[in-house]
N, C-alpha and C. Protein backbone atom coordinates (compact mmCIF):
# COMPACT_ATOMS: atom_id res chain seq x y z
N MET A 1 53.01 -20.76 31.71
CA MET A 1 51.32 -19.82 32.11
C MET A 1 51.45 -18.43 31.41
N LEU A 2 50.59 -17.98 31.14
CA LEU A 2 50.34 -16.89 30.24
C LEU A 2 50.28 -15.52 31.39
N HIS A 3 50.66 -14.11 30.96
CA HIS A 3 50.52 -13.21 31.92
C HIS A 3 49.10 -12.40 31.90
N THR A 4 48.57 -11.82 32.65
CA THR A 4 47.26 -11.29 32.38
C THR A 4 47.03 -10.17 31.75
N GLU A 5 47.82 -9.54 30.74
CA GLU A 5 48.05 -8.70 29.85
C GLU A 5 48.22 -9.49 28.57
N THR A 6 48.21 -10.75 28.52
CA THR A 6 48.42 -11.58 27.44
C THR A 6 46.38 -11.89 27.07
N VAL A 7 46.05 -12.24 28.20
CA VAL A 7 44.69 -13.09 28.11
C VAL A 7 43.73 -11.74 27.95
N SER A 8 44.07 -10.44 28.58
CA SER A 8 43.29 -9.49 27.83
C SER A 8 43.65 -8.95 26.63
N ARG A 9 44.88 -9.13 26.19
CA ARG A 9 44.87 -8.90 24.57
C ARG A 9 44.46 -9.96 23.48
N GLU A 10 44.65 -11.37 24.05
CA GLU A 10 43.79 -12.26 23.28
C GLU A 10 42.37 -12.60 23.12
N LEU A 11 41.86 -11.97 24.04
CA LEU A 11 40.29 -12.59 24.46
C LEU A 11 39.71 -11.10 24.88
N PRO A 12 39.56 -9.82 24.19
CA PRO A 12 39.02 -8.92 24.88
C PRO A 12 37.50 -8.81 24.85
N HIS A 13 36.83 -9.79 24.20
CA HIS A 13 35.28 -10.23 23.99
C HIS A 13 35.10 -10.59 25.55
N LEU A 14 35.81 -11.39 26.38
CA LEU A 14 35.38 -11.92 27.82
C LEU A 14 35.89 -10.48 28.72
N ILE A 15 36.75 -10.05 28.47
CA ILE A 15 36.78 -9.07 29.43
C ILE A 15 36.23 -7.98 29.59
N ARG A 16 35.33 -8.12 28.31
CA ARG A 16 34.67 -6.55 28.07
C ARG A 16 33.33 -6.88 28.27
N ARG A 17 33.04 -7.86 29.05
CA ARG A 17 31.55 -8.24 29.92
C ARG A 17 31.64 -8.23 31.09
N TYR A 18 33.06 -7.88 31.97
CA TYR A 18 33.43 -7.83 33.35
C TYR A 18 33.76 -6.38 33.56
N ARG A 19 33.78 -5.56 32.34
CA ARG A 19 34.15 -3.96 32.96
C ARG A 19 33.64 -3.32 33.76
N ASN A 20 34.30 -2.44 34.73
CA ASN A 20 33.44 -1.71 35.56
C ASN A 20 32.85 -0.40 35.15
N ARG A 21 32.23 0.55 35.40
CA ARG A 21 31.53 1.98 35.00
C ARG A 21 32.82 2.70 34.11
N ASN A 22 33.72 2.53 34.89
CA ASN A 22 35.37 3.44 34.83
C ASN A 22 35.80 2.65 33.24
N GLY A 23 35.84 1.41 33.05
CA GLY A 23 36.30 0.62 31.95
C GLY A 23 37.63 0.08 32.16
N SER A 24 37.79 -0.16 33.46
CA SER A 24 38.87 -0.69 33.67
C SER A 24 38.89 -2.29 33.50
N GLU A 25 40.10 -2.58 32.73
CA GLU A 25 40.08 -4.05 32.48
C GLU A 25 40.62 -4.62 33.65
N ASN A 26 41.88 -4.23 34.58
CA ASN A 26 42.22 -5.52 35.47
C ASN A 26 41.02 -5.38 36.83
N HIS A 27 39.65 -4.27 36.61
CA HIS A 27 38.75 -4.65 37.56
C HIS A 27 38.04 -5.90 37.24
N GLY A 28 37.99 -5.96 35.53
CA GLY A 28 36.90 -7.09 34.90
C GLY A 28 37.86 -8.16 35.32
N LEU A 29 39.29 -8.53 35.23
CA LEU A 29 39.48 -9.45 35.33
C LEU A 29 39.51 -9.75 36.66
N SER A 30 39.64 -9.33 37.92
CA SER A 30 39.41 -9.38 39.08
C SER A 30 38.08 -10.30 39.31
N ASN A 31 36.86 -9.56 38.41
CA ASN A 31 35.57 -10.18 38.87
C ASN A 31 35.49 -11.28 38.14
N LEU A 32 36.12 -11.96 37.30
CA LEU A 32 36.00 -12.90 36.55
C LEU A 32 36.24 -14.49 37.85
N LYS A 33 35.75 -15.57 37.50
CA LYS A 33 35.59 -16.70 38.07
C LYS A 33 36.93 -17.41 38.25
N GLN A 34 37.23 -18.01 38.83
CA GLN A 34 38.62 -18.39 39.01
C GLN A 34 39.04 -19.91 38.07
N TYR A 35 37.67 -20.35 37.56
CA TYR A 35 37.41 -21.43 36.20
C TYR A 35 37.49 -20.66 35.27
N GLN A 36 36.96 -19.57 34.99
CA GLN A 36 36.57 -18.82 33.68
C GLN A 36 38.16 -17.95 33.80
N LEU A 37 38.86 -17.85 34.26
CA LEU A 37 40.13 -17.07 33.92
C LEU A 37 41.32 -18.36 33.82
N ARG A 38 41.05 -19.40 34.45
CA ARG A 38 42.11 -20.78 33.93
C ARG A 38 41.60 -21.17 32.66
N TYR A 39 39.90 -21.12 32.22
CA TYR A 39 39.68 -21.49 31.05
C TYR A 39 40.43 -20.14 29.69
N ALA A 40 40.61 -19.37 30.22
CA ALA A 40 40.58 -18.34 29.21
C ALA A 40 42.16 -18.50 29.09
N THR A 41 42.81 -18.73 30.07
CA THR A 41 44.22 -18.63 30.05
C THR A 41 44.77 -19.85 29.25
N ARG A 42 44.33 -20.92 29.63
CA ARG A 42 44.74 -21.99 28.71
C ARG A 42 44.03 -22.16 26.80
N LYS A 43 43.06 -21.38 26.71
CA LYS A 43 42.51 -21.31 25.43
C LYS A 43 43.60 -20.33 24.89
N ALA A 44 43.95 -19.28 25.58
CA ALA A 44 44.84 -18.34 24.70
C ALA A 44 46.18 -18.90 24.23
N ALA A 45 46.59 -19.89 25.33
CA ALA A 45 47.68 -20.25 25.24
C ALA A 45 47.87 -21.67 24.18
N GLY A 46 46.42 -21.50 23.80
CA GLY A 46 46.48 -22.91 22.78
C GLY A 46 46.53 -24.48 23.15
N LEU A 47 46.28 -24.60 24.64
CA LEU A 47 46.25 -25.73 25.57
C LEU A 47 44.43 -26.14 25.57
N CYS A 48 44.47 -27.88 25.90
CA CYS A 48 43.07 -28.31 26.37
C CYS A 48 42.42 -27.79 27.43
N THR A 49 41.12 -27.22 27.25
CA THR A 49 40.59 -26.23 28.27
C THR A 49 40.12 -27.30 29.47
N SER A 50 40.19 -28.98 29.07
CA SER A 50 39.69 -29.61 30.28
C SER A 50 40.71 -30.04 30.95
N THR A 51 40.20 -29.55 32.58
CA THR A 51 41.00 -29.69 33.86
C THR A 51 42.03 -30.76 33.46
N GLY A 52 43.09 -30.00 34.06
CA GLY A 52 44.39 -31.78 34.49
C GLY A 52 45.01 -32.03 32.93
N CYS A 53 44.62 -31.47 31.80
CA CYS A 53 44.72 -32.26 30.70
C CYS A 53 45.92 -30.88 29.87
N SER A 54 47.19 -31.56 29.46
CA SER A 54 48.49 -30.87 29.49
C SER A 54 48.47 -30.65 27.61
N THR A 55 47.50 -31.41 27.00
CA THR A 55 48.24 -31.82 25.46
C THR A 55 47.49 -30.43 24.75
N ASN A 56 47.98 -30.02 23.43
CA ASN A 56 47.82 -29.02 22.77
C ASN A 56 45.96 -29.24 22.63
N ALA A 57 45.76 -28.10 22.10
CA ALA A 57 44.39 -27.94 21.21
C ALA A 57 44.01 -28.57 20.32
N ALA A 58 43.15 -29.05 19.61
CA ALA A 58 42.86 -29.61 18.18
C ALA A 58 42.85 -28.27 17.42
N VAL A 59 43.35 -28.35 16.39
CA VAL A 59 43.02 -27.26 15.04
C VAL A 59 41.29 -26.66 15.19
N GLY A 60 41.03 -25.79 15.45
CA GLY A 60 39.80 -25.05 15.34
C GLY A 60 39.06 -25.50 16.41
N HIS A 61 39.42 -26.28 17.58
CA HIS A 61 38.80 -26.55 18.97
C HIS A 61 39.49 -26.20 20.11
N THR A 62 38.94 -26.10 20.88
CA THR A 62 39.36 -25.86 22.41
C THR A 62 39.98 -26.78 23.25
N ARG A 63 39.46 -28.18 22.52
CA ARG A 63 40.01 -29.47 23.41
C ARG A 63 40.90 -30.10 22.58
N CYS A 64 41.72 -31.40 23.37
CA CYS A 64 42.31 -32.09 22.74
C CYS A 64 41.46 -33.10 22.03
N GLN A 65 42.31 -34.01 21.04
CA GLN A 65 41.35 -35.34 20.19
C GLN A 65 40.29 -35.97 20.94
N ARG A 66 41.50 -36.17 22.40
CA ARG A 66 41.12 -37.56 23.20
C ARG A 66 39.52 -36.99 23.91
N HIS A 67 39.63 -35.80 24.30
CA HIS A 67 38.60 -35.21 24.98
C HIS A 67 37.28 -34.88 24.13
N LEU A 68 37.82 -34.70 23.02
CA LEU A 68 36.62 -34.23 21.73
C LEU A 68 35.92 -35.85 21.42
N ARG A 69 36.98 -36.94 21.47
CA ARG A 69 36.34 -38.33 20.94
C ARG A 69 35.29 -38.69 22.45
N GLU A 70 35.91 -38.51 23.56
CA GLU A 70 34.69 -38.47 24.78
C GLU A 70 33.72 -37.93 24.86
N ILE A 71 33.92 -36.75 24.45
CA ILE A 71 32.62 -35.85 24.27
C ILE A 71 31.79 -36.28 23.35
N SER A 72 31.81 -36.42 22.38
CA SER A 72 31.35 -37.18 21.17
C SER A 72 30.60 -38.43 21.42
N GLU A 73 31.31 -39.41 22.05
CA GLU A 73 30.65 -40.56 22.71
C GLU A 73 29.46 -40.26 23.37
N ARG A 74 29.60 -39.27 24.57
CA ARG A 74 28.93 -39.08 25.56
C ARG A 74 27.65 -38.47 25.13
N ASN A 75 27.57 -37.52 23.91
CA ASN A 75 26.88 -36.99 23.53
C ASN A 75 25.84 -37.71 22.80
N LYS A 76 26.64 -38.67 21.93
CA LYS A 76 25.62 -39.73 21.58
C LYS A 76 24.94 -40.82 22.23
N LYS A 77 25.40 -41.34 23.57
CA LYS A 77 24.80 -42.17 24.63
C LYS A 77 23.48 -41.18 25.01
N GLN A 78 23.64 -39.91 25.12
CA GLN A 78 22.59 -38.89 25.71
C GLN A 78 21.59 -38.92 24.64
N TYR A 79 22.07 -38.75 23.24
CA TYR A 79 21.05 -38.55 21.91
C TYR A 79 20.28 -39.59 22.17
N THR A 80 20.76 -41.11 22.18
CA THR A 80 20.00 -42.47 21.82
C THR A 80 18.57 -42.21 23.25
N LYS A 81 19.35 -42.35 24.45
CA LYS A 81 18.64 -42.39 25.37
C LYS A 81 17.60 -41.53 25.29
N ARG A 82 17.65 -40.35 24.86
CA ARG A 82 16.45 -39.49 25.10
C ARG A 82 15.44 -39.72 23.46
N MET A 83 16.18 -40.06 22.67
CA MET A 83 15.30 -40.38 21.52
C MET A 83 14.58 -41.90 21.66
N CYS A 84 14.94 -42.87 22.79
CA CYS A 84 14.06 -43.81 22.81
C CYS A 84 13.22 -43.26 23.76
N LYS A 85 13.22 -42.40 24.38
CA LYS A 85 12.29 -41.97 25.67
C LYS A 85 11.48 -41.05 24.90
N GLY A 86 11.44 -40.60 23.90
CA GLY A 86 10.78 -39.78 23.30
C GLY A 86 10.81 -38.58 23.36
N LEU A 87 12.00 -38.00 23.71
CA LEU A 87 12.19 -36.78 24.61
C LEU A 87 13.17 -35.93 23.40
N CYS A 88 13.04 -34.70 23.75
CA CYS A 88 13.94 -33.59 22.98
C CYS A 88 15.38 -34.05 23.05
N THR A 89 15.79 -34.17 22.39
CA THR A 89 17.24 -34.53 22.14
C THR A 89 18.13 -33.30 22.53
N TYR A 90 17.53 -32.44 22.62
CA TYR A 90 18.70 -31.04 22.62
C TYR A 90 18.41 -30.86 24.20
N CYS A 91 17.16 -30.68 24.90
CA CYS A 91 16.87 -30.46 26.61
C CYS A 91 16.27 -31.27 27.47
N GLY A 92 15.88 -32.44 26.59
CA GLY A 92 16.03 -33.55 27.45
C GLY A 92 14.66 -33.59 28.04
N THR A 93 13.52 -32.04 28.03
CA THR A 93 12.49 -32.23 29.21
C THR A 93 11.03 -32.38 28.68
N ARG A 94 11.30 -31.71 27.32
CA ARG A 94 9.80 -31.79 26.73
C ARG A 94 9.97 -32.90 25.31
N PRO A 95 8.82 -33.43 25.01
CA PRO A 95 8.66 -34.41 23.89
C PRO A 95 9.11 -33.87 22.68
N GLY A 96 9.25 -34.75 21.80
CA GLY A 96 9.70 -34.53 20.33
C GLY A 96 8.47 -33.74 19.68
N PHE A 97 8.94 -33.01 18.89
CA PHE A 97 7.45 -32.82 17.83
C PHE A 97 8.06 -32.69 16.25
N TRP A 98 7.12 -33.78 15.54
CA TRP A 98 7.78 -33.90 14.39
C TRP A 98 9.15 -33.88 14.09
N GLY A 99 9.65 -34.40 14.95
CA GLY A 99 11.29 -34.87 14.74
C GLY A 99 12.03 -35.30 15.97
N VAL A 100 13.19 -34.85 16.50
CA VAL A 100 13.77 -35.45 17.49
C VAL A 100 14.45 -33.69 18.55
N ARG A 101 13.35 -32.70 18.10
CA ARG A 101 13.55 -31.71 18.78
C ARG A 101 12.26 -31.07 19.45
N CYS A 102 11.91 -30.67 20.21
CA CYS A 102 10.57 -30.01 20.98
C CYS A 102 10.22 -28.75 19.96
N MET A 103 9.29 -28.34 20.41
CA MET A 103 8.88 -26.88 19.45
C MET A 103 9.68 -25.95 19.88
N ILE A 104 10.05 -25.68 21.27
CA ILE A 104 10.66 -24.73 21.82
C ILE A 104 12.07 -24.78 21.28
N CYS A 105 12.84 -25.79 21.52
CA CYS A 105 14.24 -25.94 20.71
C CYS A 105 14.38 -25.89 19.36
N ARG A 106 13.04 -26.12 18.64
CA ARG A 106 13.41 -26.18 17.25
C ARG A 106 13.56 -24.70 16.65
N GLN A 107 13.23 -23.88 17.92
CA GLN A 107 13.31 -22.07 17.49
C GLN A 107 14.85 -21.53 17.29
N LYS A 108 15.33 -22.43 18.20
CA LYS A 108 17.05 -21.87 18.40
C LYS A 108 17.71 -22.49 16.99
N PHE A 109 17.19 -23.33 16.08
CA PHE A 109 18.11 -23.87 14.89
C PHE A 109 17.29 -23.35 13.42
N THR A 110 16.00 -23.47 13.52
CA THR A 110 15.49 -22.92 12.44
C THR A 110 14.61 -21.62 12.62
N LYS A 111 14.68 -21.13 11.19
CA LYS A 111 13.61 -20.10 11.25
C LYS A 111 12.23 -19.95 11.93
N HIS A 112 11.55 -21.47 10.96
CA HIS A 112 10.20 -21.48 11.95
C HIS A 112 10.19 -22.78 12.53
N PRO A 113 9.14 -22.70 13.71
CA PRO A 113 9.05 -23.70 14.48
C PRO A 113 8.85 -24.60 14.14
N LEU A 114 7.54 -24.62 12.51
CA LEU A 114 7.09 -26.37 12.36
C LEU A 114 8.12 -26.42 11.31
N PRO A 115 7.86 -27.64 11.34
CA PRO A 115 8.73 -28.36 10.17
C PRO A 115 8.30 -28.25 8.93
N ASN A 116 9.42 -28.53 7.98
CA ASN A 116 9.10 -28.85 6.45
C ASN A 116 7.72 -29.56 5.98
N GLY A 117 7.67 -30.70 6.60
CA GLY A 117 6.49 -31.75 6.31
C GLY A 117 5.21 -31.12 6.87
N ALA A 118 4.90 -30.14 7.96
CA ALA A 118 3.73 -29.35 8.51
C ALA A 118 3.68 -28.21 7.75
N ARG A 119 4.85 -27.40 7.43
CA ARG A 119 4.63 -26.03 6.62
C ARG A 119 3.79 -26.74 4.80
N ARG A 120 4.24 -27.70 4.62
CA ARG A 120 3.86 -28.42 3.35
C ARG A 120 2.58 -28.63 3.39
N ALA A 121 2.40 -29.70 4.29
CA ALA A 121 0.59 -30.07 4.80
C ALA A 121 -0.24 -28.55 4.82
N LEU A 122 0.12 -27.75 5.70
CA LEU A 122 -0.56 -26.45 5.56
C LEU A 122 -0.90 -26.02 4.27
N ARG A 123 0.03 -25.69 3.87
CA ARG A 123 0.38 -25.00 2.27
C ARG A 123 -0.49 -25.79 1.54
N ARG A 124 -0.73 -27.42 1.21
CA ARG A 124 -1.62 -28.01 0.38
C ARG A 124 -3.13 -27.98 0.79
N TYR A 125 -3.36 -27.81 2.21
CA TYR A 125 -4.34 -27.70 3.06
C TYR A 125 -5.10 -26.58 2.17
N ARG A 126 -4.24 -25.26 2.44
CA ARG A 126 -4.88 -23.69 1.96
C ARG A 126 -5.27 -23.98 0.65
N GLN A 127 -4.27 -24.43 0.26
CA GLN A 127 -4.67 -24.42 -1.68
C GLN A 127 -5.71 -25.56 -1.96
N ALA A 128 -5.84 -26.75 -1.27
CA ALA A 128 -7.51 -27.58 -1.35
C ALA A 128 -8.43 -26.30 -1.17
N GLU A 129 -8.82 -25.45 0.12
CA GLU A 129 -9.68 -24.78 0.34
C GLU A 129 -9.66 -24.12 -0.39
N GLU A 130 -8.67 -23.40 -1.15
CA GLU A 130 -8.96 -22.12 -1.96
C GLU A 130 -9.76 -22.48 -3.06
N GLN A 131 -9.13 -23.87 -3.82
CA GLN A 131 -9.69 -24.19 -5.03
C GLN A 131 -11.00 -24.63 -5.00
N HIS A 132 -11.10 -25.48 -3.32
CA HIS A 132 -12.69 -25.72 -3.36
C HIS A 132 -13.49 -24.36 -3.30
N ARG A 133 -13.17 -23.11 -2.94
CA ARG A 133 -14.19 -22.12 -3.09
C ARG A 133 -13.97 -21.66 -4.05
N VAL A 134 -12.88 -21.86 -4.91
CA VAL A 134 -13.20 -21.01 -6.33
C VAL A 134 -14.32 -21.93 -7.40
N GLU A 135 -14.26 -23.24 -6.85
CA GLU A 135 -15.30 -24.13 -7.23
C GLU A 135 -16.61 -23.85 -7.40
N GLN A 136 -16.74 -23.98 -5.85
CA GLN A 136 -18.08 -23.22 -5.47
C GLN A 136 -18.96 -21.77 -6.30
N SER A 137 -17.79 -21.21 -5.96
CA SER A 137 -18.18 -19.50 -6.44
C SER A 137 -18.16 -19.82 -7.96
N GLN A 138 -17.57 -20.62 -8.85
CA GLN A 138 -17.99 -20.88 -10.53
C GLN A 138 -19.36 -21.42 -10.72
N VAL A 139 -19.71 -22.31 -9.70
CA VAL A 139 -20.82 -22.91 -9.73
C VAL A 139 -22.22 -21.89 -9.62
N GLY A 140 -21.91 -21.20 -8.60
CA GLY A 140 -22.98 -19.91 -8.37
C GLY A 140 -23.16 -19.06 -9.40
N ALA A 141 -21.75 -18.62 -10.21
CA ALA A 141 -21.51 -17.72 -10.80
C ALA A 141 -22.24 -18.02 -12.21
N LYS A 142 -22.20 -19.62 -12.51
CA LYS A 142 -22.78 -19.95 -14.03
C LYS A 142 -24.11 -19.78 -14.04
N LEU A 143 -24.97 -20.55 -12.86
CA LEU A 143 -26.48 -20.30 -12.68
C LEU A 143 -26.81 -18.72 -12.79
N ALA A 144 -26.33 -17.83 -12.16
CA ALA A 144 -26.49 -16.60 -12.54
C ALA A 144 -26.38 -15.78 -13.88
N ILE A 145 -25.41 -16.48 -14.63
CA ILE A 145 -25.00 -16.30 -16.00
C ILE A 145 -26.09 -16.47 -16.57
N ARG A 146 -26.45 -17.92 -16.68
CA ARG A 146 -27.57 -18.77 -17.10
C ARG A 146 -29.30 -17.76 -17.16
N LYS A 147 -29.37 -17.24 -15.39
CA LYS A 147 -30.74 -16.67 -15.52
C LYS A 147 -30.47 -15.20 -16.38
N LEU A 148 -29.18 -14.44 -16.27
CA LEU A 148 -29.28 -13.26 -16.72
C LEU A 148 -29.38 -13.22 -18.30
N LEU A 149 -28.75 -14.24 -19.13
CA LEU A 149 -28.78 -14.97 -20.40
C LEU A 149 -30.41 -15.03 -20.97
N ALA A 150 -31.00 -16.22 -19.69
CA ALA A 150 -31.98 -16.64 -20.38
C ALA A 150 -33.14 -14.88 -20.29
N ASN A 151 -32.87 -14.13 -19.21
CA ASN A 151 -33.49 -12.92 -19.17
C ASN A 151 -33.62 -11.71 -20.48
N GLY A 152 -32.49 -12.24 -20.71
CA GLY A 152 -32.13 -11.02 -22.01
C GLY A 152 -31.70 -9.84 -21.75
N GLU A 153 -30.95 -9.64 -20.37
CA GLU A 153 -30.76 -8.93 -19.93
C GLU A 153 -29.67 -8.05 -20.74
N ILE A 154 -28.53 -9.03 -21.03
CA ILE A 154 -27.31 -8.73 -21.81
C ILE A 154 -27.07 -9.41 -23.40
N LYS A 155 -27.20 -8.95 -23.96
CA LYS A 155 -27.60 -8.75 -25.28
C LYS A 155 -26.59 -8.87 -26.47
N GLY A 156 -26.47 -9.30 -27.44
CA GLY A 156 -25.46 -8.80 -28.54
C GLY A 156 -23.65 -9.53 -28.66
N LYS A 157 -22.91 -8.76 -28.49
CA LYS A 157 -21.67 -9.28 -28.15
C LYS A 157 -21.45 -9.35 -26.72
N ARG A 158 -22.02 -9.06 -26.25
CA ARG A 158 -21.58 -9.43 -24.64
C ARG A 158 -22.09 -10.24 -24.12
N ALA A 159 -23.43 -10.57 -24.67
CA ALA A 159 -23.86 -11.97 -24.21
C ALA A 159 -23.21 -13.01 -24.69
N LYS A 160 -23.04 -13.00 -26.07
CA LYS A 160 -21.50 -14.16 -26.76
C LYS A 160 -20.71 -14.19 -25.74
N ALA A 161 -19.90 -12.84 -25.49
CA ALA A 161 -18.38 -13.14 -24.73
C ALA A 161 -18.71 -13.47 -23.43
N LEU A 162 -19.82 -13.48 -22.74
CA LEU A 162 -20.24 -14.09 -21.30
C LEU A 162 -20.28 -15.14 -21.32
N ARG A 163 -21.34 -16.07 -22.51
CA ARG A 163 -21.65 -17.42 -22.72
C ARG A 163 -20.23 -17.89 -23.40
N LEU A 164 -19.65 -17.75 -23.88
CA LEU A 164 -18.14 -18.44 -24.26
C LEU A 164 -17.16 -18.33 -22.89
N TYR A 165 -17.01 -17.24 -22.21
CA TYR A 165 -16.30 -16.88 -21.45
C TYR A 165 -16.64 -18.21 -19.72
N ALA A 166 -17.89 -18.17 -19.74
CA ALA A 166 -18.25 -19.26 -18.71
C ALA A 166 -18.87 -20.49 -19.21
N GLY A 167 -18.54 -20.75 -20.16
CA GLY A 167 -18.68 -22.02 -20.92
C GLY A 167 -19.79 -22.78 -20.49
N VAL A 168 -20.95 -21.78 -21.06
CA VAL A 168 -22.37 -22.05 -20.55
C VAL A 168 -22.73 -23.13 -21.77
N ASP A 169 -21.88 -23.51 -22.71
CA ASP A 169 -22.51 -24.47 -24.04
C ASP A 169 -21.80 -25.85 -23.81
N HIS A 170 -20.09 -25.93 -23.33
CA HIS A 170 -19.55 -26.98 -22.70
C HIS A 170 -19.08 -27.10 -21.40
N GLY A 171 -19.67 -26.32 -20.80
CA GLY A 171 -19.32 -26.67 -19.19
C GLY A 171 -17.49 -26.25 -18.63
N LYS A 172 -16.96 -25.88 -19.38
CA LYS A 172 -15.57 -25.41 -19.15
C LYS A 172 -15.50 -23.81 -19.21
N TRP A 173 -14.88 -23.28 -17.92
CA TRP A 173 -14.61 -21.62 -18.44
C TRP A 173 -13.33 -21.21 -19.44
N ARG A 174 -13.37 -20.24 -19.83
CA ARG A 174 -12.30 -19.82 -21.06
C ARG A 174 -11.84 -18.76 -20.40
N THR A 175 -10.71 -18.41 -21.25
CA THR A 175 -9.58 -17.27 -20.54
C THR A 175 -9.72 -16.25 -21.45
N TYR A 176 -9.77 -14.92 -21.41
CA TYR A 176 -10.02 -13.72 -22.06
C TYR A 176 -9.15 -14.27 -23.69
N SER A 177 -8.39 -14.55 -23.47
CA SER A 177 -7.30 -15.12 -24.83
C SER A 177 -8.09 -16.31 -25.64
N GLU A 178 -8.72 -16.79 -25.13
CA GLU A 178 -9.62 -18.49 -25.76
C GLU A 178 -10.49 -18.03 -26.28
N VAL A 179 -11.44 -16.90 -25.32
CA VAL A 179 -12.67 -16.21 -25.85
C VAL A 179 -12.28 -15.17 -27.19
N GLY A 180 -11.37 -14.56 -26.78
CA GLY A 180 -11.00 -13.41 -28.19
C GLY A 180 -10.41 -14.28 -29.23
N LYS A 181 -10.05 -15.85 -29.44
CA LYS A 181 -9.55 -16.36 -30.56
C LYS A 181 -11.12 -16.86 -31.32
N VAL A 182 -12.33 -17.22 -30.75
CA VAL A 182 -13.50 -17.35 -30.90
C VAL A 182 -13.90 -16.53 -31.35
N MET A 183 -13.97 -14.84 -31.19
CA MET A 183 -14.78 -13.92 -31.39
C MET A 183 -13.65 -13.35 -32.46
N HIS A 184 -12.56 -13.22 -32.71
CA HIS A 184 -11.74 -12.78 -33.51
C HIS A 184 -11.73 -11.50 -33.16
N LEU A 185 -11.19 -11.20 -31.71
CA LEU A 185 -11.15 -10.15 -30.99
C LEU A 185 -9.66 -10.23 -29.91
N SER A 186 -9.04 -8.60 -29.54
CA SER A 186 -8.28 -9.07 -28.57
C SER A 186 -8.51 -9.11 -27.49
N ARG A 187 -7.55 -9.68 -26.74
CA ARG A 187 -7.78 -9.89 -25.33
C ARG A 187 -8.30 -8.56 -24.50
N GLN A 188 -7.85 -7.51 -24.82
CA GLN A 188 -8.30 -6.20 -24.43
C GLN A 188 -9.86 -5.48 -24.67
N ALA A 189 -10.70 -6.19 -25.58
CA ALA A 189 -11.47 -5.99 -26.50
C ALA A 189 -12.49 -6.86 -25.46
N VAL A 190 -12.10 -8.63 -25.52
CA VAL A 190 -12.75 -9.07 -24.62
C VAL A 190 -13.11 -8.65 -23.63
N CYS A 191 -12.10 -8.19 -22.52
CA CYS A 191 -11.81 -7.43 -21.03
C CYS A 191 -13.26 -6.56 -20.85
N GLN A 192 -13.29 -5.52 -22.06
CA GLN A 192 -14.24 -4.56 -21.99
C GLN A 192 -15.73 -4.91 -22.06
N LEU A 193 -15.51 -6.09 -22.70
CA LEU A 193 -17.05 -6.55 -23.14
C LEU A 193 -17.35 -7.17 -21.77
N LEU A 194 -16.67 -7.89 -21.09
CA LEU A 194 -17.35 -8.74 -19.96
C LEU A 194 -17.09 -7.59 -18.87
N ALA A 195 -16.50 -6.77 -18.56
CA ALA A 195 -16.44 -5.70 -17.77
C ALA A 195 -17.75 -5.70 -16.92
N PRO A 196 -18.67 -4.87 -17.44
CA PRO A 196 -20.04 -4.89 -17.28
C PRO A 196 -21.13 -5.89 -16.65
N SER A 197 -20.63 -6.65 -17.53
CA SER A 197 -21.64 -8.17 -16.92
C SER A 197 -21.01 -8.70 -15.45
N LYS A 198 -19.70 -8.42 -15.58
CA LYS A 198 -19.12 -9.07 -13.93
C LYS A 198 -19.19 -8.14 -13.33
N ALA A 199 -19.49 -6.82 -13.32
CA ALA A 199 -20.00 -5.74 -12.18
C ALA A 199 -21.16 -6.06 -11.74
N THR A 200 -22.27 -6.94 -12.99
CA THR A 200 -23.98 -6.66 -12.56
C THR A 200 -23.58 -7.74 -11.54
N LEU A 201 -22.55 -9.08 -12.25
CA LEU A 201 -22.83 -10.63 -11.41
C LEU A 201 -22.00 -10.21 -9.61
N ALA A 202 -21.12 -9.32 -9.60
CA ALA A 202 -20.84 -9.21 -8.39
C ALA A 202 -21.80 -8.57 -7.33
N ARG A 203 -22.30 -7.92 -8.07
CA ARG A 203 -23.49 -6.95 -7.23
C ARG A 203 -24.53 -8.11 -7.00
N ILE A 204 -25.03 -9.29 -7.79
CA ILE A 204 -26.09 -9.78 -7.50
C ILE A 204 -25.42 -10.90 -6.55
N LEU A 205 -24.24 -11.58 -6.61
CA LEU A 205 -23.45 -12.64 -5.81
C LEU A 205 -23.14 -12.25 -4.81
N LYS A 206 -22.93 -10.82 -4.24
CA LYS A 206 -22.22 -10.15 -3.24
C LYS A 206 -20.98 -10.26 -3.08
N ASP A 207 -20.01 -10.39 -4.43
CA ASP A 207 -18.48 -10.51 -4.38
C ASP A 207 -18.28 -11.81 -4.16
N ASN A 208 -19.21 -12.87 -4.26
CA ASN A 208 -18.59 -13.98 -4.15
C ASN A 208 -18.55 -14.56 -5.34
N VAL A 209 -17.69 -14.16 -6.28
CA VAL A 209 -17.36 -14.52 -7.74
C VAL A 209 -16.14 -14.97 -7.84
N PRO A 210 -15.53 -15.97 -9.03
CA PRO A 210 -14.03 -16.42 -8.84
C PRO A 210 -13.35 -15.50 -9.63
N TRP A 211 -13.55 -14.19 -9.48
CA TRP A 211 -12.65 -13.36 -10.25
C TRP A 211 -12.74 -12.09 -9.69
N ARG A 212 -11.85 -11.58 -9.52
CA ARG A 212 -11.44 -9.90 -9.00
C ARG A 212 -12.65 -9.40 -9.08
N PRO A 213 -13.57 -8.47 -8.25
CA PRO A 213 -14.51 -7.60 -8.57
C PRO A 213 -14.41 -6.84 -9.01
N VAL A 214 -15.31 -6.30 -10.40
CA VAL A 214 -15.06 -5.21 -11.19
C VAL A 214 -15.90 -4.01 -10.70
N ARG A 215 -15.40 -2.89 -10.43
CA ARG A 215 -16.06 -1.66 -10.18
C ARG A 215 -17.27 -1.71 -11.74
N GLU A 216 -18.72 -1.13 -10.81
CA GLU A 216 -19.38 -0.90 -12.01
C GLU A 216 -19.48 1.12 -12.13
N ASN A 217 -18.76 1.24 -13.37
CA ASN A 217 -19.00 2.71 -13.78
C ASN A 217 -19.73 3.03 -15.05
N TRP A 218 -21.01 1.93 -15.76
CA TRP A 218 -22.01 2.13 -16.56
C TRP A 218 -22.68 2.43 -16.03
């Protein structure tokens, strides 16, 4: 059996919790419950912490191999029993959520309470919603572009760049680089040609456009 000083030297973190205001370690040890002191003593001595066992603890554990096997078998039975009932395998009180643990217990083991499958489904749903919004805004923007071109409000290179950009002829939208290849212009030049038209369309469609709204400075 180890002396009290040995226990206080081996497990300072356990004693620190029970120190009084003056910081007395002896007072802290006196406040420890009997089973806590017995546990600390056996652990410091390298013995199995199970009551009545005189075997040395396994390496890296506080219990011997026999008690570790018993605990493992008991936990497996409890796990299977709770899983068959549809309860959380950790707390056993709430139903499992998208797995073997409930919503509350999942937060103790992972950063996110939602599992990977649920987060993946939500991410795909948001992407589908965003794609649908862009497609709807593209349809509205293309109708407004056709009206502007038909009314003659946009002329010259700006009208040609806008027609190629919106794909008025073949129905497919082009990038700045693709428009620049057709018109033999740089990407920056195409951006400058389309900026006034985009600002006008953003004002007409109330910023419901498939691109970032451009401030009208012309």
